[in-house]
Amino acid sequence: MNLLVSQFLDFAEFQVLEQNPMSMNDWIEALDSQILALKRRVLAGSGSISHKQAITKAEKEFEIYRSREMKQLESDFDRAIKELMKKKMIVAASKVIIYTTLRITIGREFNSRYQL
């Protein structure tokens, strides 16, 4: 789709540079011929879905997308919290080890100093 739009805009720019006046029907024919040259089917008419129906469908699809994104966001958040809790537990465990090591070291020094 992006290639088709880019190609059509290049064509339109070329028409302007050549100062070739074109009516709306000329633009429609040019676009249809580009679509056919790409071996695609040109849709007839304006379609059967109203603007209101299209908006309703888009809103429903967006809600599905948003709920999926929120679940992903929540799971990312939960993972981050768990990781922080692990780090907090590691820090707490390290403090206990350091405290215990200090008590043992101080106790030994105290015992050796006072020969207990």
PDB file of N, CA and C in Angstrom:
ATOM      1  N   MET A   1       0.828  -1.189   0.000  1.00  0.00           N
ATOM      2  CA  MET A   1       0.000   0.000   0.000  1.00  0.00           C
ATOM      3  C   MET A   1       0.876   1.257   0.000  1.00  0.00           C
ATOM      4  N   ASN A   2       1.924   1.258   0.835  1.00  0.00           N
ATOM      5  CA  ASN A   2       2.813   2.423   0.877  1.00  0.00           C
ATOM      6  C   ASN A   2       3.473   2.654  -0.479  1.00  0.00           C
ATOM      7  N   LEU A   3       3.840   1.559  -1.144  1.00  0.00           N
ATOM      8  CA  LEU A   3       4.469   1.689  -2.460  1.00  0.00           C
ATOM      9  C   LEU A   3       3.503   2.303  -3.471  1.00  0.00           C
ATOM     10  N   LEU A   4       2.245   1.883  -3.410  1.00  0.00           N
ATOM     11  CA  LEU A   4       1.241   2.417  -4.325  1.00  0.00           C
ATOM     12  C   LEU A   4       1.041   3.912  -4.087  1.00  0.00           C
ATOM     13  N   VAL A   5       0.943   4.303  -2.838  1.00  0.00           N
ATOM     14  CA  VAL A   5       0.756   5.720  -2.502  1.00  0.00           C
ATOM     15  C   VAL A   5       1.965   6.529  -2.955  1.00  0.00           C
ATOM     16  N   SER A   6       3.154   6.008  -2.684  1.00  0.00           N
ATOM     17  CA  SER A   6       4.379   6.696  -3.091  1.00  0.00           C
ATOM     18  C   SER A   6       4.433   6.851  -4.609  1.00  0.00           C
ATOM     19  N   GLN A   7       4.093   5.791  -5.306  1.00  0.00           N
ATOM     20  CA  GLN A   7       4.097   5.823  -6.767  1.00  0.00           C
ATOM     21  C   GLN A   7       3.091   6.850  -7.278  1.00  0.00           C
ATOM     22  N   PHE A   8       1.919   6.884  -6.679  1.00  0.00           N
ATOM     23  CA  PHE A   8       0.885   7.814  -7.135  1.00  0.00           C
ATOM     24  C   PHE A   8       1.283   9.256  -6.843  1.00  0.00           C
ATOM     25  N   LEU A   9       1.890   9.501  -5.680  1.00  0.00           N
ATOM     26  CA  LEU A   9       2.333  10.862  -5.362  1.00  0.00           C
ATOM     27  C   LEU A   9       3.450  11.310  -6.302  1.00  0.00           C
ATOM     28  N   ASP A  10       4.334  10.390  -6.667  1.00  0.00           N
ATOM     29  CA  ASP A  10       5.374  10.718  -7.651  1.00  0.00           C
ATOM     30  C   ASP A  10       4.740  11.076  -8.996  1.00  0.00           C
ATOM     31  N   PHE A  11       3.734  10.311  -9.383  1.00  0.00           N
ATOM     32  CA  PHE A  11       3.011  10.594 -10.624  1.00  0.00           C
ATOM     33  C   PHE A  11       2.362  11.977 -10.552  1.00  0.00           C
ATOM     34  N   ALA A  12       1.726  12.278  -9.418  1.00  0.00           N
ATOM     35  CA  ALA A  12       1.067  13.579  -9.254  1.00  0.00           C
ATOM     36  C   ALA A  12       2.091  14.712  -9.322  1.00  0.00           C
ATOM     37  N   GLU A  13       3.240  14.528  -8.687  1.00  0.00           N
ATOM     38  CA  GLU A  13       4.293  15.543  -8.722  1.00  0.00           C
ATOM     39  C   GLU A  13       4.778  15.757 -10.160  1.00  0.00           C
ATOM     40  N   PHE A  14       4.927  14.671 -10.891  1.00  0.00           N
ATOM     41  CA  PHE A  14       5.352  14.768 -12.286  1.00  0.00           C
ATOM     42  C   PHE A  14       4.331  15.558 -13.107  1.00  0.00           C
ATOM     43  N   GLN A  15       3.051  15.322 -12.856  1.00  0.00           N
ATOM     44  CA  GLN A  15       2.002  16.050 -13.578  1.00  0.00           C
ATOM     45  C   GLN A  15       2.081  17.546 -13.280  1.00  0.00           C
ATOM     46  N   VAL A  16       2.378  17.889 -12.032  1.00  0.00           N
ATOM     47  CA  VAL A  16       2.500  19.301 -11.654  1.00  0.00           C
ATOM     48  C   VAL A  16       3.719  19.923 -12.332  1.00  0.00           C
ATOM     49  N   LEU A  17       4.855  19.217 -12.291  1.00  0.00           N
ATOM     50  CA  LEU A  17       6.076  19.736 -12.920  1.00  0.00           C
ATOM     51  C   LEU A  17       5.891  19.951 -14.426  1.00  0.00           C
ATOM     52  N   GLU A  18       5.129  19.073 -15.043  1.00  0.00           N
ATOM     53  CA  GLU A  18       4.845  19.190 -16.478  1.00  0.00           C
ATOM     54  C   GLU A  18       3.715  20.176 -16.756  1.00  0.00           C
ATOM     55  N   GLN A  19       3.153  20.736 -15.699  1.00  0.00           N
ATOM     56  CA  GLN A  19       2.021  21.672 -15.784  1.00  0.00           C
ATOM     57  C   GLN A  19       0.889  21.084 -16.620  1.00  0.00           C
ATOM     58  N   ASN A  20       0.595  19.835 -16.332  1.00  0.00           N
ATOM     59  CA  ASN A  20      -0.459  19.108 -17.027  1.00  0.00           C
ATOM     60  C   ASN A  20      -1.730  19.184 -16.185  1.00  0.00           C
ATOM     61  N   PRO A  21      -2.709  19.997 -16.595  1.00  0.00           N
ATOM     62  CA  PRO A  21      -3.940  20.097 -15.794  1.00  0.00           C
ATOM     63  C   PRO A  21      -4.728  18.788 -15.864  1.00  0.00           C
ATOM     64  N   MET A  22      -5.246  18.379 -14.710  1.00  0.00           N
ATOM     65  CA  MET A  22      -6.005  17.126 -14.645  1.00  0.00           C
ATOM     66  C   MET A  22      -7.280  17.358 -13.851  1.00  0.00           C
ATOM     67  N   SER A  23      -8.354  16.771 -14.328  1.00  0.00           N
ATOM     68  CA  SER A  23      -9.629  16.853 -13.604  1.00  0.00           C
ATOM     69  C   SER A  23      -9.695  15.707 -12.593  1.00  0.00           C
ATOM     70  N   MET A  24     -10.705  15.725 -11.761  1.00  0.00           N
ATOM     71  CA  MET A  24     -10.873  14.655 -10.777  1.00  0.00           C
ATOM     72  C   MET A  24     -11.040  13.313 -11.479  1.00  0.00           C
ATOM     73  N   ASN A  25     -11.768  13.293 -12.591  1.00  0.00           N
ATOM     74  CA  ASN A  25     -11.933  12.040 -13.342  1.00  0.00           C
ATOM     75  C   ASN A  25     -10.599  11.552 -13.902  1.00  0.00           C
ATOM     76  N   ASP A  26      -9.731  12.496 -14.320  1.00  0.00           N
ATOM     77  CA  ASP A  26      -8.399  12.106 -14.803  1.00  0.00           C
ATOM     78  C   ASP A  26      -7.610  11.422 -13.688  1.00  0.00           C
ATOM     79  N   TRP A  27      -7.705  11.970 -12.468  1.00  0.00           N
ATOM     80  CA  TRP A  27      -6.995  11.376 -11.331  1.00  0.00           C
ATOM     81  C   TRP A  27      -7.535   9.985 -11.020  1.00  0.00           C
ATOM     82  N   ILE A  28      -8.847   9.837 -11.086  1.00  0.00           N
ATOM     83  CA  ILE A  28      -9.465   8.529 -10.823  1.00  0.00           C
ATOM     84  C   ILE A  28      -8.990   7.515 -11.860  1.00  0.00           C
ATOM     85  N   GLU A  29      -8.996   7.913 -13.132  1.00  0.00           N
ATOM     86  CA  GLU A  29      -8.538   7.009 -14.195  1.00  0.00           C
ATOM     87  C   GLU A  29      -7.058   6.659 -14.027  1.00  0.00           C
ATOM     88  N   ALA A  30      -6.245   7.651 -13.653  1.00  0.00           N
ATOM     89  CA  ALA A  30      -4.810   7.404 -13.470  1.00  0.00           C
ATOM     90  C   ALA A  30      -4.580   6.410 -12.333  1.00  0.00           C
ATOM     91  N   LEU A  31      -5.307   6.588 -11.248  1.00  0.00           N
ATOM     92  CA  LEU A  31      -5.157   5.676 -10.113  1.00  0.00           C
ATOM     93  C   LEU A  31      -5.629   4.273 -10.479  1.00  0.00           C
ATOM     94  N   ASP A  32      -6.777   4.193 -11.145  1.00  0.00           N
ATOM     95  CA  ASP A  32      -7.282   2.880 -11.561  1.00  0.00           C
ATOM     96  C   ASP A  32      -6.290   2.175 -12.482  1.00  0.00           C
ATOM     97  N   SER A  33      -5.683   2.922 -13.415  1.00  0.00           N
ATOM     98  CA  SER A  33      -4.734   2.283 -14.338  1.00  0.00           C
ATOM     99  C   SER A  33      -3.476   1.830 -13.604  1.00  0.00           C
ATOM    100  N   GLN A  34      -3.042   2.578 -12.573  1.00  0.00           N
ATOM    101  CA  GLN A  34      -1.888   2.140 -11.779  1.00  0.00           C
ATOM    102  C   GLN A  34      -2.217   0.868 -11.003  1.00  0.00           C
ATOM    103  N   ILE A  35      -3.410   0.814 -10.459  1.00  0.00           N
ATOM    104  CA  ILE A  35      -3.822  -0.383  -9.710  1.00  0.00           C
ATOM    105  C   ILE A  35      -3.876  -1.587 -10.647  1.00  0.00           C
ATOM    106  N   LEU A  36      -4.450  -1.400 -11.831  1.00  0.00           N
ATOM    107  CA  LEU A  36      -4.534  -2.492 -12.802  1.00  0.00           C
ATOM    108  C   LEU A  36      -3.151  -2.904 -13.299  1.00  0.00           C
ATOM    109  N   ALA A  37      -2.232  -1.950 -13.449  1.00  0.00           N
ATOM    110  CA  ALA A  37      -0.869  -2.270 -13.888  1.00  0.00           C
ATOM    111  C   ALA A  37      -0.155  -3.140 -12.856  1.00  0.00           C
ATOM    112  N   LEU A  38      -0.539  -3.010 -11.605  1.00  0.00           N
ATOM    113  CA  LEU A  38       0.036  -3.836 -10.539  1.00  0.00           C
ATOM    114  C   LEU A  38      -0.710  -5.162 -10.382  1.00  0.00           C
ATOM    115  N   LYS A  39      -1.617  -5.418 -11.342  1.00  0.00           N
ATOM    116  CA  LYS A  39      -2.409  -6.649 -11.358  1.00  0.00           C
ATOM    117  C   LYS A  39      -3.254  -6.804 -10.095  1.00  0.00           C
ATOM    118  N   ARG A  40      -3.816  -5.692  -9.695  1.00  0.00           N
ATOM    119  CA  ARG A  40      -4.741  -5.673  -8.560  1.00  0.00           C
ATOM    120  C   ARG A  40      -6.133  -5.378  -9.082  1.00  0.00           C
ATOM    121  N   ARG A  41      -7.118  -5.655  -8.233  1.00  0.00           N
ATOM    122  CA  ARG A  41      -8.510  -5.451  -8.611  1.00  0.00           C
ATOM    123  C   ARG A  41      -8.957  -4.066  -8.139  1.00  0.00           C
ATOM    124  N   VAL A  42      -9.626  -3.334  -9.020  1.00  0.00           N
ATOM    125  CA  VAL A  42     -10.187  -2.031  -8.672  1.00  0.00           C
ATOM    126  C   VAL A  42     -11.583  -2.268  -8.113  1.00  0.00           C
ATOM    127  N   LEU A  43     -11.822  -1.751  -6.921  1.00  0.00           N
ATOM    128  CA  LEU A  43     -13.132  -1.918  -6.304  1.00  0.00           C
ATOM    129  C   LEU A  43     -14.142  -0.995  -6.969  1.00  0.00           C
ATOM    130  N   ALA A  44     -15.336  -1.520  -7.182  1.00  0.00           N
ATOM    131  CA  ALA A  44     -16.389  -0.722  -7.805  1.00  0.00           C
ATOM    132  C   ALA A  44     -17.259  -0.082  -6.729  1.00  0.00           C
ATOM    133  N   GLY A  45     -17.654   1.147  -6.951  1.00  0.00           N
ATOM    134  CA  GLY A  45     -18.552   1.823  -6.014  1.00  0.00           C
ATOM    135  C   GLY A  45     -17.827   2.288  -4.763  1.00  0.00           C
ATOM    136  N   SER A  46     -18.616   2.746  -3.825  1.00  0.00           N
ATOM    137  CA  SER A  46     -18.040   3.286  -2.587  1.00  0.00           C
ATOM    138  C   SER A  46     -18.081   2.289  -1.441  1.00  0.00           C
ATOM    139  N   GLY A  47     -18.484   1.063  -1.716  1.00  0.00           N
ATOM    140  CA  GLY A  47     -18.510   0.047  -0.668  1.00  0.00           C
ATOM    141  C   GLY A  47     -19.858  -0.029   0.019  1.00  0.00           C
ATOM    142  N   SER A  48     -20.001  -1.029   0.879  1.00  0.00           N
ATOM    143  CA  SER A  48     -21.295  -1.251   1.531  1.00  0.00           C
ATOM    144  C   SER A  48     -21.261  -0.945   3.021  1.00  0.00           C
ATOM    145  N   ILE A  49     -20.108  -0.570   3.549  1.00  0.00           N
ATOM    146  CA  ILE A  49     -19.999  -0.288   4.982  1.00  0.00           C
ATOM    147  C   ILE A  49     -20.055   1.220   5.186  1.00  0.00           C
ATOM    148  N   SER A  50     -20.952   1.637   6.066  1.00  0.00           N
ATOM    149  CA  SER A  50     -21.100   3.070   6.328  1.00  0.00           C
ATOM    150  C   SER A  50     -19.959   3.577   7.201  1.00  0.00           C
ATOM    151  N   HIS A  51     -19.822   4.876   7.237  1.00  0.00           N
ATOM    152  CA  HIS A  51     -18.792   5.503   8.074  1.00  0.00           C
ATOM    153  C   HIS A  51     -19.010   5.129   9.536  1.00  0.00           C
ATOM    154  N   LYS A  52     -20.255   5.149   9.968  1.00  0.00           N
ATOM    155  CA  LYS A  52     -20.579   4.812  11.362  1.00  0.00           C
ATOM    156  C   LYS A  52     -20.172   3.373  11.678  1.00  0.00           C
ATOM    157  N   GLN A  53     -20.466   2.441  10.758  1.00  0.00           N
ATOM    158  CA  GLN A  53     -20.088   1.043  10.968  1.00  0.00           C
ATOM    159  C   GLN A  53     -18.566   0.893  11.027  1.00  0.00           C
ATOM    160  N   ALA A  54     -17.870   1.623  10.181  1.00  0.00           N
ATOM    161  CA  ALA A  54     -16.405   1.555  10.177  1.00  0.00           C
ATOM    162  C   ALA A  54     -15.840   2.079  11.487  1.00  0.00           C
ATOM    163  N   ILE A  55     -16.395   3.174  11.994  1.00  0.00           N
ATOM    164  CA  ILE A  55     -15.938   3.744  13.269  1.00  0.00           C
ATOM    165  C   ILE A  55     -16.208   2.760  14.404  1.00  0.00           C
ATOM    166  N   THR A  56     -17.389   2.160  14.421  1.00  0.00           N
ATOM    167  CA  THR A  56     -17.742   1.190  15.464  1.00  0.00           C
ATOM    168  C   THR A  56     -16.777   0.009  15.443  1.00  0.00           C
ATOM    169  N   LYS A  57     -16.504  -0.519  14.255  1.00  0.00           N
ATOM    170  CA  LYS A  57     -15.571  -1.643  14.114  1.00  0.00           C
ATOM    171  C   LYS A  57     -14.175  -1.245  14.587  1.00  0.00           C
ATOM    172  N   ALA A  58     -13.720  -0.065  14.197  1.00  0.00           N
ATOM    173  CA  ALA A  58     -12.389   0.404  14.599  1.00  0.00           C
ATOM    174  C   ALA A  58     -12.302   0.555  16.117  1.00  0.00           C
ATOM    175  N   GLU A  59     -13.355   1.073  16.735  1.00  0.00           N
ATOM    176  CA  GLU A  59     -13.352   1.236  18.196  1.00  0.00           C
ATOM    177  C   GLU A  59     -13.305  -0.115  18.902  1.00  0.00           C
ATOM    178  N   LYS A  60     -14.058  -1.097  18.401  1.00  0.00           N
ATOM    179  CA  LYS A  60     -14.031  -2.440  18.995  1.00  0.00           C
ATOM    180  C   LYS A  60     -12.639  -3.055  18.883  1.00  0.00           C
ATOM    181  N   GLU A  61     -12.049  -2.952  17.703  1.00  0.00           N
ATOM    182  CA  GLU A  61     -10.707  -3.504  17.496  1.00  0.00           C
ATOM    183  C   GLU A  61      -9.680  -2.797  18.374  1.00  0.00           C
ATOM    184  N   PHE A  62      -9.856  -1.484  18.553  1.00  0.00           N
ATOM    185  CA  PHE A  62      -8.929  -0.737  19.396  1.00  0.00           C
ATOM    186  C   PHE A  62      -9.050  -1.173  20.852  1.00  0.00           C
ATOM    187  N   GLU A  63     -10.260  -1.451  21.306  1.00  0.00           N
ATOM    188  CA  GLU A  63     -10.460  -1.937  22.681  1.00  0.00           C
ATOM    189  C   GLU A  63      -9.769  -3.287  22.883  1.00  0.00           C
ATOM    190  N   ILE A  64      -9.876  -4.171  21.898  1.00  0.00           N
ATOM    191  CA  ILE A  64      -9.188  -5.466  21.974  1.00  0.00           C
ATOM    192  C   ILE A  64      -7.682  -5.242  22.053  1.00  0.00           C
ATOM    193  N   TYR A  65      -7.176  -4.361  21.192  1.00  0.00           N
ATOM    194  CA  TYR A  65      -5.746  -4.042  21.189  1.00  0.00           C
ATOM    195  C   TYR A  65      -5.326  -3.441  22.529  1.00  0.00           C
ATOM    196  N   ARG A  66      -6.117  -2.490  23.040  1.00  0.00           N
ATOM    197  CA  ARG A  66      -5.760  -1.822  24.294  1.00  0.00           C
ATOM    198  C   ARG A  66      -5.745  -2.811  25.458  1.00  0.00           C
ATOM    199  N   SER A  67      -6.723  -3.720  25.528  1.00  0.00           N
ATOM    200  CA  SER A  67      -6.745  -4.689  26.628  1.00  0.00           C
ATOM    201  C   SER A  67      -5.535  -5.623  26.541  1.00  0.00           C
ATOM    202  N   ARG A  68      -5.165  -6.013  25.323  1.00  0.00           N
ATOM    203  CA  ARG A  68      -3.984  -6.860  25.143  1.00  0.00           C
ATOM    204  C   ARG A  68      -2.720  -6.112  25.582  1.00  0.00           C
ATOM    205  N   GLU A  69      -2.622  -4.853  25.216  1.00  0.00           N
ATOM    206  CA  GLU A  69      -1.463  -4.042  25.603  1.00  0.00           C
ATOM    207  C   GLU A  69      -1.418  -3.836  27.114  1.00  0.00           C
ATOM    208  N   MET A  70      -2.584  -3.632  27.741  1.00  0.00           N
ATOM    209  CA  MET A  70      -2.623  -3.438  29.194  1.00  0.00           C
ATOM    210  C   MET A  70      -2.183  -4.706  29.916  1.00  0.00           C
ATOM    211  N   LYS A  71      -2.595  -5.870  29.410  1.00  0.00           N
ATOM    212  CA  LYS A  71      -2.154  -7.128  30.016  1.00  0.00           C
ATOM    213  C   LYS A  71      -0.641  -7.262  29.917  1.00  0.00           C
ATOM    214  N   GLN A  72      -0.105  -6.915  28.759  1.00  0.00           N
ATOM    215  CA  GLN A  72       1.342  -6.976  28.571  1.00  0.00           C
ATOM    216  C   GLN A  72       2.035  -5.993  29.501  1.00  0.00           C
ATOM    217  N   LEU A  73       1.472  -4.801  29.622  1.00  0.00           N
ATOM    218  CA  LEU A  73       2.044  -3.789  30.504  1.00  0.00           C
ATOM    219  C   LEU A  73       2.018  -4.272  31.945  1.00  0.00           C
ATOM    220  N   GLU A  74       0.882  -4.874  32.363  1.00  0.00           N
ATOM    221  CA  GLU A  74       0.778  -5.392  33.723  1.00  0.00           C
ATOM    222  C   GLU A  74       1.798  -6.501  33.958  1.00  0.00           C
ATOM    223  N   SER A  75       1.962  -7.385  32.987  1.00  0.00           N
ATOM    224  CA  SER A  75       2.911  -8.475  33.189  1.00  0.00           C
ATOM    225  C   SER A  75       4.343  -7.933  33.230  1.00  0.00           C
ATOM    226  N   ASP A  76       4.642  -6.920  32.416  1.00  0.00           N
ATOM    227  CA  ASP A  76       5.962  -6.288  32.489  1.00  0.00           C
ATOM    228  C   ASP A  76       6.158  -5.645  33.855  1.00  0.00           C
ATOM    229  N   PHE A  77       5.114  -4.987  34.347  1.00  0.00           N
ATOM    230  CA  PHE A  77       5.175  -4.350  35.661  1.00  0.00           C
ATOM    231  C   PHE A  77       5.388  -5.395  36.749  1.00  0.00           C
ATOM    232  N   ASP A  78       4.622  -6.489  36.670  1.00  0.00           N
ATOM    233  CA  ASP A  78       4.752  -7.560  37.665  1.00  0.00           C
ATOM    234  C   ASP A  78       6.157  -8.155  37.657  1.00  0.00           C
ATOM    235  N   ARG A  79       6.708  -8.355  36.459  1.00  0.00           N
ATOM    236  CA  ARG A  79       8.077  -8.885  36.367  1.00  0.00           C
ATOM    237  C   ARG A  79       9.078  -7.923  36.999  1.00  0.00           C
ATOM    238  N   ALA A  80       8.889  -6.641  36.760  1.00  0.00           N
ATOM    239  CA  ALA A  80       9.804  -5.650  37.330  1.00  0.00           C
ATOM    240  C   ALA A  80       9.710  -5.637  38.851  1.00  0.00           C
ATOM    241  N   ILE A  81       8.487  -5.740  39.380  1.00  0.00           N
ATOM    242  CA  ILE A  81       8.301  -5.766  40.836  1.00  0.00           C
ATOM    243  C   ILE A  81       8.955  -7.012  41.423  1.00  0.00           C
ATOM    244  N   LYS A  82       8.750  -8.166  40.796  1.00  0.00           N
ATOM    245  CA  LYS A  82       9.367  -9.403  41.296  1.00  0.00           C
ATOM    246  C   LYS A  82      10.886  -9.292  41.300  1.00  0.00           C
ATOM    247  N   GLU A  83      11.420  -8.698  40.241  1.00  0.00           N
ATOM    248  CA  GLU A  83      12.873  -8.526  40.161  1.00  0.00           C
ATOM    249  C   GLU A  83      13.366  -7.612  41.279  1.00  0.00           C
ATOM    250  N   LEU A  84      12.624  -6.543  41.531  1.00  0.00           N
ATOM    251  CA  LEU A  84      13.006  -5.645  42.626  1.00  0.00           C
ATOM    252  C   LEU A  84      12.911  -6.346  43.977  1.00  0.00           C
ATOM    253  N   MET A  85      11.875  -7.165  44.147  1.00  0.00           N
ATOM    254  CA  MET A  85      11.725  -7.897  45.409  1.00  0.00           C
ATOM    255  C   MET A  85      12.886  -8.869  45.596  1.00  0.00           C
ATOM    256  N   LYS A  86      13.306  -9.532  44.523  1.00  0.00           N
ATOM    257  CA  LYS A  86      14.458 -10.436  44.614  1.00  0.00           C
ATOM    258  C   LYS A  86      15.693  -9.666  45.054  1.00  0.00           C
ATOM    259  N   LYS A  87      15.897  -8.510  44.423  1.00  0.00           N
ATOM    260  CA  LYS A  87      17.060  -7.697  44.776  1.00  0.00           C
ATOM    261  C   LYS A  87      16.970  -7.236  46.225  1.00  0.00           C
ATOM    262  N   LYS A  88      15.750  -6.877  46.647  1.00  0.00           N
ATOM    263  CA  LYS A  88      15.560  -6.440  48.029  1.00  0.00           C
ATOM    264  C   LYS A  88      15.868  -7.589  48.984  1.00  0.00           C
ATOM    265  N   MET A  89      15.426  -8.806  48.629  1.00  0.00           N
ATOM    266  CA  MET A  89      15.710  -9.976  49.465  1.00  0.00           C
ATOM    267  C   MET A  89      17.205 -10.260  49.495  1.00  0.00           C
ATOM    268  N   ILE A  90      17.860 -10.104  48.350  1.00  0.00           N
ATOM    269  CA  ILE A  90      19.308 -10.325  48.299  1.00  0.00           C
ATOM    270  C   ILE A  90      20.015  -9.311  49.183  1.00  0.00           C
ATOM    271  N   VAL A  91      19.582  -8.061  49.113  1.00  0.00           N
ATOM    272  CA  VAL A  91      20.182  -7.021  49.953  1.00  0.00           C
ATOM    273  C   VAL A  91      19.942  -7.334  51.419  1.00  0.00           C
ATOM    274  N   ALA A  92      18.704  -7.741  51.753  1.00  0.00           N
ATOM    275  CA  ALA A  92      18.392  -8.074  53.149  1.00  0.00           C
ATOM    276  C   ALA A  92      19.235  -9.262  53.613  1.00  0.00           C
ATOM    277  N   ALA A  93      19.351 -10.288  52.780  1.00  0.00           N
ATOM    278  CA  ALA A  93      20.161 -11.457  53.137  1.00  0.00           C
ATOM    279  C   ALA A  93      21.626 -11.060  53.293  1.00  0.00           C
ATOM    280  N   SER A  94      22.100 -10.184  52.429  1.00  0.00           N
ATOM    281  CA  SER A  94      23.486  -9.710  52.537  1.00  0.00           C
ATOM    282  C   SER A  94      23.704  -8.977  53.848  1.00  0.00           C
ATOM    283  N   LYS A  95      22.718  -8.175  54.248  1.00  0.00           N
ATOM    284  CA  LYS A  95      22.838  -7.452  55.519  1.00  0.00           C
ATOM    285  C   LYS A  95      22.913  -8.424  56.693  1.00  0.00           C
ATOM    286  N   VAL A  96      22.110  -9.478  56.642  1.00  0.00           N
ATOM    287  CA  VAL A  96      22.134 -10.483  57.714  1.00  0.00           C
ATOM    288  C   VAL A  96      23.495 -11.162  57.753  1.00  0.00           C
ATOM    289  N   ILE A  97      24.010 -11.522  56.598  1.00  0.00           N
ATOM    290  CA  ILE A  97      25.321 -12.181  56.542  1.00  0.00           C
ATOM    291  C   ILE A  97      26.403 -11.251  57.075  1.00  0.00           C
ATOM    292  N   ILE A  98      26.375 -10.000  56.648  1.00  0.00           N
ATOM    293  CA  ILE A  98      27.375  -9.033  57.121  1.00  0.00           C
ATOM    294  C   ILE A  98      27.254  -8.841  58.628  1.00  0.00           C
ATOM    295  N   TYR A  99      26.019  -8.685  59.112  1.00  0.00           N
ATOM    296  CA  TYR A  99      25.792  -8.485  60.547  1.00  0.00           C
ATOM    297  C   TYR A  99      26.299  -9.692  61.340  1.00  0.00           C
ATOM    298  N   THR A 100      25.972 -10.887  60.868  1.00  0.00           N
ATOM    299  CA  THR A 100      26.406 -12.108  61.555  1.00  0.00           C
ATOM    300  C   THR A 100      27.927 -12.223  61.532  1.00  0.00           C
ATOM    301  N   THR A 101      28.519 -11.942  60.387  1.00  0.00           N
ATOM    302  CA  THR A 101      29.979 -11.992  60.270  1.00  0.00           C
ATOM    303  C   THR A 101      30.628 -10.991  61.218  1.00  0.00           C
ATOM    304  N   LEU A 102      30.075  -9.798  61.293  1.00  0.00           N
ATOM    305  CA  LEU A 102      30.617  -8.789  62.206  1.00  0.00           C
ATOM    306  C   LEU A 102      30.497  -9.234  63.662  1.00  0.00           C
ATOM    307  N   ARG A 103      29.346  -9.804  64.013  1.00  0.00           N
ATOM    308  CA  ARG A 103      29.159 -10.275  65.395  1.00  0.00           C
ATOM    309  C   ARG A 103      30.183 -11.344  65.741  1.00  0.00           C
ATOM    310  N   ILE A 104      30.376 -12.271  64.809  1.00  0.00           N
ATOM    311  CA  ILE A 104      31.346 -13.347  65.057  1.00  0.00           C
ATOM    312  C   ILE A 104      32.748 -12.762  65.179  1.00  0.00           C
ATOM    313  N   THR A 105      33.096 -11.867  64.254  1.00  0.00           N
ATOM    314  CA  THR A 105      34.432 -11.256  64.275  1.00  0.00           C
ATOM    315  C   THR A 105      34.644 -10.445  65.548  1.00  0.00           C
ATOM    316  N   ILE A 106      33.671  -9.620  65.892  1.00  0.00           N
ATOM    317  CA  ILE A 106      33.781  -8.806  67.110  1.00  0.00           C
ATOM    318  C   ILE A 106      33.838  -9.703  68.337  1.00  0.00           C
ATOM    319  N   GLY A 107      33.019 -10.757  68.322  1.00  0.00           N
ATOM    320  CA  GLY A 107      33.021 -11.701  69.448  1.00  0.00           C
ATOM    321  C   GLY A 107      34.374 -12.362  69.613  1.00  0.00           C
ATOM    322  N   ARG A 108      34.993 -12.780  68.519  1.00  0.00           N
ATOM    323  CA  ARG A 108      36.319 -13.407  68.590  1.00  0.00           C
ATOM    324  C   ARG A 108      37.367 -12.414  69.103  1.00  0.00           C
ATOM    325  N   GLU A 109      37.302 -11.184  68.571  1.00  0.00           N
ATOM    326  CA  GLU A 109      38.257 -10.174  69.025  1.00  0.00           C
ATOM    327  C   GLU A 109      38.060  -9.873  70.510  1.00  0.00           C
ATOM    328  N   PHE A 110      36.806  -9.788  70.910  1.00  0.00           N
ATOM    329  CA  PHE A 110      36.516  -9.526  72.322  1.00  0.00           C
ATOM    330  C   PHE A 110      37.046 -10.668  73.192  1.00  0.00           C
ATOM    331  N   ASN A 111      36.772 -11.893  72.756  1.00  0.00           N
ATOM    332  CA  ASN A 111      37.224 -13.066  73.517  1.00  0.00           C
ATOM    333  C   ASN A 111      38.745 -13.132  73.584  1.00  0.00           C
ATOM    334  N   SER A 112      39.407 -12.845  72.455  1.00  0.00           N
ATOM    335  CA  SER A 112      40.869 -12.930  72.471  1.00  0.00           C
ATOM    336  C   SER A 112      41.482 -11.769  73.248  1.00  0.00           C
ATOM    337  N   ARG A 113      40.866 -10.620  73.180  1.00  0.00           N
ATOM    338  CA  ARG A 113      41.391  -9.465  73.885  1.00  0.00           C
ATOM    339  C   ARG A 113      41.275  -9.639  75.399  1.00  0.00           C
ATOM    340  N   TYR A 114      40.136 -10.182  75.808  1.00  0.00           N
ATOM    341  CA  TYR A 114      39.903 -10.330  77.247  1.00  0.00           C
ATOM    342  C   TYR A 114      40.095 -11.776  77.698  1.00  0.00           C
ATOM    343  N   GLN A 115      40.607 -12.576  76.824  1.00  0.00           N
ATOM    344  CA  GLN A 115      40.939 -13.977  77.083  1.00  0.00           C
ATOM    345  C   GLN A 115      39.797 -14.719  77.761  1.00  0.00           C
ATOM    346  N   LEU A 116      38.671 -14.664  77.099  1.00  0.00           N
ATOM    347  CA  LEU A 116      37.507 -15.369  77.635  1.00  0.00           C
ATOM    348  C   LEU A 116      37.354 -16.724  77.024  1.00  0.00           C
TER     349      LEU A 116
END
